Amino acid sequence: MNKLALVAAGLAFFSTAAFADSKPSDEEATKIKATLTEWGCEGGTLEKETEATSVFEVDDAKCKGAQYDLKIDSAYKVISLTRD
């Protein structure tokens, strides 16, 4: 039973490392920030998902007095807005 738990933990660790997010390029960051401005948001941590989904994530953006996480598609349209 302990070996099974160890294998499961190892698989979970290595599978998340394979899907680590990366930093968007300067051009992508500029377009993401323009989208945030359109929505009345600013700041946050910008990430680009590397799972071939072409989705950008913005963590902890300030939007009209509250903190949100956003997902933005490759056309720079907001597809998800979640209050933090």
Protein backbone atom coordinates (compact mmCIF):
# COMPACT_ATOMS: atom_id res chain seq x y z
CA MET A 1 0.00 0.00 0.00
CA ASN A 2 2.85 2.40 0.79
CA LYS A 3 4.44 1.74 -2.60
CA LEU A 4 1.17 2.59 -4.35
CA ALA A 5 0.93 5.89 -2.45
CA LEU A 6 4.54 6.69 -3.31
CA VAL A 7 3.99 5.98 -7.01
CA ALA A 8 0.81 8.09 -7.05
CA ALA A 9 2.60 11.00 -5.38
CA GLY A 10 5.48 10.73 -7.84
CA LEU A 11 3.16 10.73 -10.84
CA ALA A 12 1.29 13.74 -9.52
CA PHE A 13 4.55 15.63 -8.99
CA PHE A 14 5.97 14.89 -12.44
CA SER A 15 2.72 15.45 -14.32
CA THR A 16 2.31 18.96 -12.89
CA ALA A 17 5.89 19.82 -13.73
CA ALA A 18 5.27 18.92 -17.37
CA PHE A 19 2.42 21.44 -17.55
CA ALA A 20 4.13 24.39 -15.93
CA ASP A 21 2.98 27.79 -17.11
CA SER A 22 5.35 30.15 -18.86
CA LYS A 23 5.69 33.91 -19.06
CA PRO A 24 3.94 35.54 -22.05
CA SER A 25 6.04 37.45 -24.59
CA ASP A 26 6.20 41.25 -24.39
CA GLU A 27 3.71 41.54 -27.29
CA GLU A 28 1.30 39.10 -25.63
CA ALA A 29 1.64 40.91 -22.29
CA THR A 30 0.79 44.23 -23.95
CA LYS A 31 -2.38 42.75 -25.48
CA ILE A 32 -3.34 41.09 -22.19
CA LYS A 33 -2.94 44.40 -20.35
CA ALA A 34 -5.10 46.13 -22.97
CA THR A 35 -7.83 43.52 -22.37
CA LEU A 36 -7.55 44.07 -18.61
CA THR A 37 -7.92 47.83 -19.11
CA GLU A 38 -11.08 47.29 -21.19
CA TRP A 39 -12.54 45.35 -18.26
CA GLY A 40 -11.51 47.98 -15.71
CA CYS A 41 -8.74 45.83 -14.28
CA GLU A 42 -5.03 46.29 -13.64
CA GLY A 43 -2.04 44.46 -12.26
CA GLY A 44 -1.85 40.78 -11.51
CA THR A 45 0.54 38.03 -12.45
CA LEU A 46 0.51 37.10 -16.16
CA GLU A 47 1.00 33.49 -17.25
CA LYS A 48 0.65 31.55 -20.47
CA GLU A 49 -0.63 27.99 -20.18
CA THR A 50 1.62 25.53 -21.97
CA GLU A 51 -0.90 22.69 -22.43
CA ALA A 52 -1.55 23.76 -26.06
CA THR A 53 -4.75 25.55 -25.02
CA SER A 54 -3.45 29.02 -25.93
CA VAL A 55 -5.05 30.41 -22.77
CA PHE A 56 -3.52 33.19 -20.72
CA GLU A 57 -4.08 33.50 -16.98
CA VAL A 58 -4.01 36.64 -14.87
CA ASP A 59 -3.84 35.95 -11.15
CA ASP A 60 -4.81 38.54 -8.53
CA ALA A 61 -5.82 41.39 -10.85
CA LYS A 62 -7.57 44.37 -9.23
CA CYS A 63 -10.93 45.05 -10.86
CA LYS A 64 -13.14 47.83 -9.50
CA GLY A 65 -12.05 47.40 -5.92
CA ALA A 66 -11.95 43.59 -5.79
CA GLN A 67 -9.37 40.94 -6.65
CA TYR A 68 -9.98 38.49 -9.52
CA ASP A 69 -8.36 35.71 -11.52
CA LEU A 70 -8.99 35.90 -15.27
CA LYS A 71 -8.55 33.53 -18.19
CA ILE A 72 -8.09 35.11 -21.60
CA ASP A 73 -8.19 33.21 -24.90
CA SER A 74 -5.80 33.54 -27.85
CA ALA A 75 -8.01 36.27 -29.36
CA TYR A 76 -7.50 38.24 -26.12
CA LYS A 77 -11.13 37.90 -25.01
CA VAL A 78 -11.99 37.18 -21.37
CA ILE A 79 -13.38 33.64 -21.05
CA SER A 80 -13.39 33.38 -17.26
CA LEU A 81 -13.51 35.87 -14.41
CA THR A 82 -13.38 34.48 -10.87
CA ARG A 83 -13.39 36.53 -7.71
CA ASP A 84 -10.43 35.70 -5.51
